[in-house]
């Protein structure tokens, strides 16, 4: 990590010039979105995640991206990983799995 770039506990840089890419499995993403992070919402329920994405867009003005993922299904995990690699266009900066 570059010692000149401060990072907080959410993993998003405090510098607005740095694109942060995050993959999360919960709806606790407001702080990341407020820091201009590109946030992927990974989960089984497209409807629930899209509701959370819409609510957070209304609150932050920034929109997350839904990524279908069922951690109990290896095929789903592989498909989600391939889709993420195809569209993320950068390195994963933060991975949060809230159970």
C-alpha atoms as a PDB file:
ATOM      1  CA  UNK A   1       0.000   0.000   0.000  1.00  0.00           C
ATOM      2  CA  UNK A   2       1.278   3.441  -0.858  1.00  0.00           C
ATOM      3  CA  UNK A   3       1.971   5.108   2.479  1.00  0.00           C
ATOM      4  CA  UNK A   4       0.806   8.453   1.068  1.00  0.00           C
ATOM      5  CA  UNK A   5      -2.725   7.204   0.456  1.00  0.00           C
ATOM      6  CA  UNK A   6      -4.786   6.899   3.626  1.00  0.00           C
ATOM      7  CA  UNK A   7      -7.365   4.095   3.734  1.00  0.00           C
ATOM      8  CA  UNK A   8     -10.199   3.664   6.164  1.00  0.00           C
ATOM      9  CA  UNK A   9     -11.651   0.453   7.608  1.00  0.00           C
ATOM     10  CA  UNK A  10     -14.176   0.110   4.762  1.00  0.00           C
ATOM     11  CA  UNK A  11     -11.283  -0.271   2.315  1.00  0.00           C
ATOM     12  CA  UNK A  12     -12.136   2.799   0.234  1.00  0.00           C
ATOM     13  CA  UNK A  13      -9.453   5.374  -0.301  1.00  0.00           C
ATOM     14  CA  UNK A  14     -10.097   8.814   1.130  1.00  0.00           C
ATOM     15  CA  UNK A  15      -8.649  10.255  -2.097  1.00  0.00           C
ATOM     16  CA  UNK A  16     -11.443  10.910  -4.641  1.00  0.00           C
ATOM     17  CA  UNK A  17      -9.040  10.320  -7.555  1.00  0.00           C
ATOM     18  CA  UNK A  18      -8.637   6.585  -6.918  1.00  0.00           C
ATOM     19  CA  UNK A  19     -11.232   4.162  -8.291  1.00  0.00           C
ATOM     20  CA  UNK A  20     -12.033   1.530  -5.708  1.00  0.00           C
ATOM     21  CA  UNK A  21     -13.836  -1.670  -6.661  1.00  0.00           C
ATOM     22  CA  UNK A  22     -15.723  -3.530  -3.951  1.00  0.00           C
ATOM     23  CA  UNK A  23     -17.656  -6.788  -3.920  1.00  0.00           C
ATOM     24  CA  UNK A  24     -20.054  -7.173  -1.014  1.00  0.00           C
ATOM     25  CA  UNK A  25     -22.643  -9.695   0.077  1.00  0.00           C
ATOM     26  CA  UNK A  26     -24.672  -7.366   2.275  1.00  0.00           C
ATOM     27  CA  UNK A  27     -26.456  -4.054   1.852  1.00  0.00           C
ATOM     28  CA  UNK A  28     -24.046  -2.169   4.133  1.00  0.00           C
ATOM     29  CA  UNK A  29     -22.444  -0.167   1.311  1.00  0.00           C
ATOM     30  CA  UNK A  30     -23.407   3.464   1.854  1.00  0.00           C
ATOM     31  CA  UNK A  31     -19.970   4.493   3.147  1.00  0.00           C
ATOM     32  CA  UNK A  32     -18.257   2.920   0.145  1.00  0.00           C
ATOM     33  CA  UNK A  33     -20.625   4.541  -2.343  1.00  0.00           C
ATOM     34  CA  UNK A  34     -20.135   7.907  -0.640  1.00  0.00           C
ATOM     35  CA  UNK A  35     -16.395   7.517  -1.293  1.00  0.00           C
ATOM     36  CA  UNK A  36     -16.950   6.966  -5.033  1.00  0.00           C
ATOM     37  CA  UNK A  37     -16.264   3.232  -4.873  1.00  0.00           C
ATOM     38  CA  UNK A  38     -17.663   0.978  -7.566  1.00  0.00           C
ATOM     39  CA  UNK A  39     -19.707  -1.462  -5.470  1.00  0.00           C
ATOM     40  CA  UNK A  40     -20.946  -4.865  -6.608  1.00  0.00           C
ATOM     41  CA  UNK A  41     -23.807  -6.376  -4.594  1.00  0.00           C
ATOM     42  CA  UNK A  42     -23.412 -10.143  -4.660  1.00  0.00           C
ATOM     43  CA  UNK A  43     -26.283 -12.334  -3.556  1.00  0.00           C
ATOM     44  CA  UNK A  44     -28.970 -14.846  -4.466  1.00  0.00           C
ATOM     45  CA  UNK A  45     -31.949 -12.498  -4.470  1.00  0.00           C
ATOM     46  CA  UNK A  46     -31.892 -10.109  -7.403  1.00  0.00           C
ATOM     47  CA  UNK A  47     -35.062  -8.380  -6.149  1.00  0.00           C
ATOM     48  CA  UNK A  48     -33.708  -7.701  -2.634  1.00  0.00           C
ATOM     49  CA  UNK A  49     -30.356  -6.484  -3.916  1.00  0.00           C
ATOM     50  CA  UNK A  50     -31.938  -4.247  -6.545  1.00  0.00           C
ATOM     51  CA  UNK A  51     -34.193  -2.733  -3.873  1.00  0.00           C
ATOM     52  CA  UNK A  52     -31.111  -2.007  -1.757  1.00  0.00           C
ATOM     53  CA  UNK A  53     -29.262  -0.606  -4.776  1.00  0.00           C
ATOM     54  CA  UNK A  54     -32.187   1.702  -5.579  1.00  0.00           C
ATOM     55  CA  UNK A  55     -32.490   2.882  -1.968  1.00  0.00           C
ATOM     56  CA  UNK A  56     -28.777   3.612  -1.766  1.00  0.00           C
ATOM     57  CA  UNK A  57     -28.857   5.416  -5.113  1.00  0.00           C
ATOM     58  CA  UNK A  58     -31.626   7.646  -3.739  1.00  0.00           C
ATOM     59  CA  UNK A  59     -29.517   8.323  -0.626  1.00  0.00           C
ATOM     60  CA  UNK A  60     -26.066   8.685  -2.197  1.00  0.00           C
ATOM     61  CA  UNK A  61     -26.663   9.506  -5.852  1.00  0.00           C
ATOM     62  CA  UNK A  62     -24.434   6.545  -6.744  1.00  0.00           C
ATOM     63  CA  UNK A  63     -25.566   3.185  -8.047  1.00  0.00           C
ATOM     64  CA  UNK A  64     -24.274  -0.242  -7.111  1.00  0.00           C
ATOM     65  CA  UNK A  65     -24.169  -3.217  -9.474  1.00  0.00           C
ATOM     66  CA  UNK A  66     -25.934  -6.533  -8.829  1.00  0.00           C
ATOM     67  CA  UNK A  67     -23.944  -9.745  -9.244  1.00  0.00           C
ATOM     68  CA  UNK A  68     -25.878 -13.002  -8.858  1.00  0.00           C
ATOM     69  CA  UNK A  69     -24.047 -15.280  -6.420  1.00  0.00           C
ATOM     70  CA  UNK A  70     -25.079 -18.324  -4.406  1.00  0.00           C
ATOM     71  CA  UNK A  71     -22.158 -19.357  -2.198  1.00  0.00           C
ATOM     72  CA  UNK A  72     -23.688 -22.837  -1.735  1.00  0.00           C
ATOM     73  CA  UNK A  73     -23.524 -23.489  -5.503  1.00  0.00           C
ATOM     74  CA  UNK A  74     -20.036 -23.850  -7.008  1.00  0.00           C
ATOM     75  CA  UNK A  75     -21.332 -23.197 -10.546  1.00  0.00           C
ATOM     76  CA  UNK A  76     -22.856 -19.922  -9.343  1.00  0.00           C
ATOM     77  CA  UNK A  77     -19.569 -18.933  -7.686  1.00  0.00           C
ATOM     78  CA  UNK A  78     -17.595 -19.642 -10.868  1.00  0.00           C
ATOM     79  CA  UNK A  79     -20.102 -17.752 -13.015  1.00  0.00           C
ATOM     80  CA  UNK A  80     -20.039 -14.744 -10.660  1.00  0.00           C
ATOM     81  CA  UNK A  81     -16.222 -14.730 -10.617  1.00  0.00           C
ATOM     82  CA  UNK A  82     -16.082 -14.814 -14.421  1.00  0.00           C
ATOM     83  CA  UNK A  83     -18.656 -12.024 -14.711  1.00  0.00           C
ATOM     84  CA  UNK A  84     -16.849  -9.909 -12.129  1.00  0.00           C
ATOM     85  CA  UNK A  85     -13.496 -10.319 -13.918  1.00  0.00           C
ATOM     86  CA  UNK A  86     -15.126  -9.438 -17.243  1.00  0.00           C
ATOM     87  CA  UNK A  87     -16.791  -6.209 -16.042  1.00  0.00           C
ATOM     88  CA  UNK A  88     -14.834  -4.926 -13.025  1.00  0.00           C
ATOM     89  CA  UNK A  89     -12.023  -3.351 -15.117  1.00  0.00           C
ATOM     90  CA  UNK A  90      -9.690  -3.136 -12.151  1.00  0.00           C
ATOM     91  CA  UNK A  91      -8.443  -4.822  -9.018  1.00  0.00           C
ATOM     92  CA  UNK A  92     -10.733  -5.794  -6.177  1.00  0.00           C
ATOM     93  CA  UNK A  93     -10.031  -3.401  -3.289  1.00  0.00           C
ATOM     94  CA  UNK A  94     -12.478  -4.657  -0.672  1.00  0.00           C
ATOM     95  CA  UNK A  95     -14.390  -7.887  -0.087  1.00  0.00           C
ATOM     96  CA  UNK A  96     -17.029  -7.898   2.637  1.00  0.00           C
ATOM     97  CA  UNK A  97     -19.102 -10.922   3.588  1.00  0.00           C
ATOM     98  CA  UNK A  98     -21.651  -9.996   6.227  1.00  0.00           C
ATOM     99  CA  UNK A  99     -23.545 -13.000   7.539  1.00  0.00           C
END
